[in-house]
């Protein structure tokens, strides 16, 4: 009686090389830079008494149409920043999908 030894080979998927590196949260970076710029401009305007008086005079002399225009402009800037962060997020996801090996 002879017994033959047979060896089966099983394909094992490649293990990942290691954990993926952390992503940069570009939306947080952009919004942080935006709010830091707004705060810096506000501090610059209010730090000097001459500039503070000029801002006070400017704000008290606004007409209703100017207030509406400034509000619409502010909303537009917020939409612009939100859109830019959305585009960057989409590009980052597409890049991550392409970089992921199959």
C-alpha atoms as a PDB file:
ATOM      1  CA  UNK A   1       0.000   0.000   0.000  1.00  0.00           C
ATOM      2  CA  UNK A   2       1.378   3.291  -1.037  1.00  0.00           C
ATOM      3  CA  UNK A   3      -0.002   6.574   0.062  1.00  0.00           C
ATOM      4  CA  UNK A   4       0.682   9.660  -1.893  1.00  0.00           C
ATOM      5  CA  UNK A   5       1.058  12.925  -0.156  1.00  0.00           C
ATOM      6  CA  UNK A   6      -0.694  15.738  -1.939  1.00  0.00           C
ATOM      7  CA  UNK A   7      -0.257  19.344  -1.040  1.00  0.00           C
ATOM      8  CA  UNK A   8      -2.890  21.870  -1.886  1.00  0.00           C
ATOM      9  CA  UNK A   9      -1.953  25.459  -2.391  1.00  0.00           C
ATOM     10  CA  UNK A  10      -4.395  28.057  -1.229  1.00  0.00           C
ATOM     11  CA  UNK A  11      -4.248  31.598  -2.460  1.00  0.00           C
ATOM     12  CA  UNK A  12      -4.029  34.026   0.430  1.00  0.00           C
ATOM     13  CA  UNK A  13      -4.815  37.650  -0.291  1.00  0.00           C
ATOM     14  CA  UNK A  14      -2.001  40.083   0.356  1.00  0.00           C
ATOM     15  CA  UNK A  15      -2.185  41.663   3.748  1.00  0.00           C
ATOM     16  CA  UNK A  16      -2.138  45.450   3.788  1.00  0.00           C
ATOM     17  CA  UNK A  17       1.305  46.942   4.278  1.00  0.00           C
ATOM     18  CA  UNK A  18       0.156  48.840   7.336  1.00  0.00           C
ATOM     19  CA  UNK A  19      -2.415  51.291   8.526  1.00  0.00           C
ATOM     20  CA  UNK A  20      -3.282  54.105   6.178  1.00  0.00           C
ATOM     21  CA  UNK A  21      -1.863  57.482   7.127  1.00  0.00           C
ATOM     22  CA  UNK A  22      -4.278  59.992   8.622  1.00  0.00           C
ATOM     23  CA  UNK A  23      -6.064  62.323   6.227  1.00  0.00           C
ATOM     24  CA  UNK A  24      -5.648  66.058   6.375  1.00  0.00           C
ATOM     25  CA  UNK A  25      -9.008  67.584   7.133  1.00  0.00           C
ATOM     26  CA  UNK A  26      -8.855  70.386   4.575  1.00  0.00           C
ATOM     27  CA  UNK A  27     -12.312  71.708   5.405  1.00  0.00           C
ATOM     28  CA  UNK A  28     -11.185  72.383   8.967  1.00  0.00           C
ATOM     29  CA  UNK A  29      -8.007  74.027   7.702  1.00  0.00           C
ATOM     30  CA  UNK A  30      -9.930  76.302   5.316  1.00  0.00           C
ATOM     31  CA  UNK A  31     -12.641  77.250   7.799  1.00  0.00           C
ATOM     32  CA  UNK A  32     -10.027  77.818  10.505  1.00  0.00           C
ATOM     33  CA  UNK A  33      -8.039  80.107   8.216  1.00  0.00           C
ATOM     34  CA  UNK A  34     -11.230  81.961   7.256  1.00  0.00           C
ATOM     35  CA  UNK A  35     -12.277  82.574  10.862  1.00  0.00           C
ATOM     36  CA  UNK A  36      -8.707  83.477  11.854  1.00  0.00           C
ATOM     37  CA  UNK A  37      -8.645  86.089   9.069  1.00  0.00           C
ATOM     38  CA  UNK A  38     -12.006  87.503  10.196  1.00  0.00           C
ATOM     39  CA  UNK A  39     -10.745  87.691  13.789  1.00  0.00           C
ATOM     40  CA  UNK A  40      -7.456  89.306  12.743  1.00  0.00           C
ATOM     41  CA  UNK A  41      -9.284  91.973  10.710  1.00  0.00           C
ATOM     42  CA  UNK A  42     -11.654  92.610  13.609  1.00  0.00           C
ATOM     43  CA  UNK A  43      -8.780  92.996  16.064  1.00  0.00           C
ATOM     44  CA  UNK A  44      -6.917  95.276  13.667  1.00  0.00           C
ATOM     45  CA  UNK A  45      -9.999  97.488  13.236  1.00  0.00           C
ATOM     46  CA  UNK A  46     -10.804  97.717  16.928  1.00  0.00           C
ATOM     47  CA  UNK A  47      -7.297  97.971  18.409  1.00  0.00           C
ATOM     48  CA  UNK A  48      -6.691 101.610  17.427  1.00  0.00           C
ATOM     49  CA  UNK A  49      -9.061 104.337  18.721  1.00  0.00           C
ATOM     50  CA  UNK A  50      -8.963 106.179  15.373  1.00  0.00           C
ATOM     51  CA  UNK A  51      -9.945 103.055  13.420  1.00  0.00           C
ATOM     52  CA  UNK A  52     -12.565 102.198  16.040  1.00  0.00           C
ATOM     53  CA  UNK A  53     -14.140 105.661  15.626  1.00  0.00           C
ATOM     54  CA  UNK A  54     -14.069 105.291  11.829  1.00  0.00           C
ATOM     55  CA  UNK A  55     -15.820 101.906  12.067  1.00  0.00           C
ATOM     56  CA  UNK A  56     -18.411 103.348  14.437  1.00  0.00           C
ATOM     57  CA  UNK A  57     -19.095 106.258  12.083  1.00  0.00           C
ATOM     58  CA  UNK A  58     -19.312 103.895   9.123  1.00  0.00           C
ATOM     59  CA  UNK A  59     -21.708 101.503  10.814  1.00  0.00           C
ATOM     60  CA  UNK A  60     -24.015 104.274  12.086  1.00  0.00           C
ATOM     61  CA  UNK A  61     -24.233 105.848   8.624  1.00  0.00           C
ATOM     62  CA  UNK A  62     -25.353 102.659   6.827  1.00  0.00           C
ATOM     63  CA  UNK A  63     -28.592 102.771   4.878  1.00  0.00           C
ATOM     64  CA  UNK A  64     -31.026  99.844   4.813  1.00  0.00           C
ATOM     65  CA  UNK A  65     -29.991  99.026   1.263  1.00  0.00           C
ATOM     66  CA  UNK A  66     -26.337  98.915   2.280  1.00  0.00           C
ATOM     67  CA  UNK A  67     -27.149  96.588   5.196  1.00  0.00           C
ATOM     68  CA  UNK A  68     -29.014  94.221   2.851  1.00  0.00           C
ATOM     69  CA  UNK A  69     -26.142  94.312   0.350  1.00  0.00           C
ATOM     70  CA  UNK A  70     -23.587  93.600   3.088  1.00  0.00           C
ATOM     71  CA  UNK A  71     -25.717  90.723   4.407  1.00  0.00           C
ATOM     72  CA  UNK A  72     -26.032  89.217   0.927  1.00  0.00           C
ATOM     73  CA  UNK A  73     -22.298  89.635   0.367  1.00  0.00           C
ATOM     74  CA  UNK A  74     -21.579  87.905   3.690  1.00  0.00           C
ATOM     75  CA  UNK A  75     -23.851  84.999   2.790  1.00  0.00           C
ATOM     76  CA  UNK A  76     -22.153  84.768  -0.603  1.00  0.00           C
ATOM     77  CA  UNK A  77     -18.717  84.608   1.022  1.00  0.00           C
ATOM     78  CA  UNK A  78     -19.881  81.822   3.339  1.00  0.00           C
ATOM     79  CA  UNK A  79     -21.311  79.893   0.382  1.00  0.00           C
ATOM     80  CA  UNK A  80     -18.052  80.410  -1.518  1.00  0.00           C
ATOM     81  CA  UNK A  81     -15.966  79.033   1.350  1.00  0.00           C
ATOM     82  CA  UNK A  82     -18.350  76.110   1.832  1.00  0.00           C
ATOM     83  CA  UNK A  83     -18.219  75.342  -1.897  1.00  0.00           C
ATOM     84  CA  UNK A  84     -14.430  75.462  -1.931  1.00  0.00           C
ATOM     85  CA  UNK A  85     -14.223  73.047   0.978  1.00  0.00           C
ATOM     86  CA  UNK A  86     -16.723  70.735  -0.750  1.00  0.00           C
ATOM     87  CA  UNK A  87     -14.644  70.706  -3.928  1.00  0.00           C
ATOM     88  CA  UNK A  88     -11.480  69.960  -1.998  1.00  0.00           C
ATOM     89  CA  UNK A  89     -13.212  67.176  -0.061  1.00  0.00           C
ATOM     90  CA  UNK A  90     -14.491  65.631  -3.289  1.00  0.00           C
ATOM     91  CA  UNK A  91     -11.031  65.784  -4.860  1.00  0.00           C
ATOM     92  CA  UNK A  92      -9.511  64.209  -1.741  1.00  0.00           C
ATOM     93  CA  UNK A  93     -12.005  61.326  -1.846  1.00  0.00           C
ATOM     94  CA  UNK A  94     -11.393  60.725  -5.562  1.00  0.00           C
ATOM     95  CA  UNK A  95      -7.652  60.714  -4.949  1.00  0.00           C
ATOM     96  CA  UNK A  96      -8.080  58.240  -2.076  1.00  0.00           C
ATOM     97  CA  UNK A  97     -10.208  55.941  -4.263  1.00  0.00           C
ATOM     98  CA  UNK A  98      -7.581  55.966  -7.009  1.00  0.00           C
ATOM     99  CA  UNK A  99      -4.745  55.355  -4.565  1.00  0.00           C
ATOM    100  CA  UNK A 100      -6.447  52.346  -2.969  1.00  0.00           C
ATOM    101  CA  UNK A 101      -5.075  49.143  -4.500  1.00  0.00           C
ATOM    102  CA  UNK A 102      -7.593  46.532  -5.549  1.00  0.00           C
END
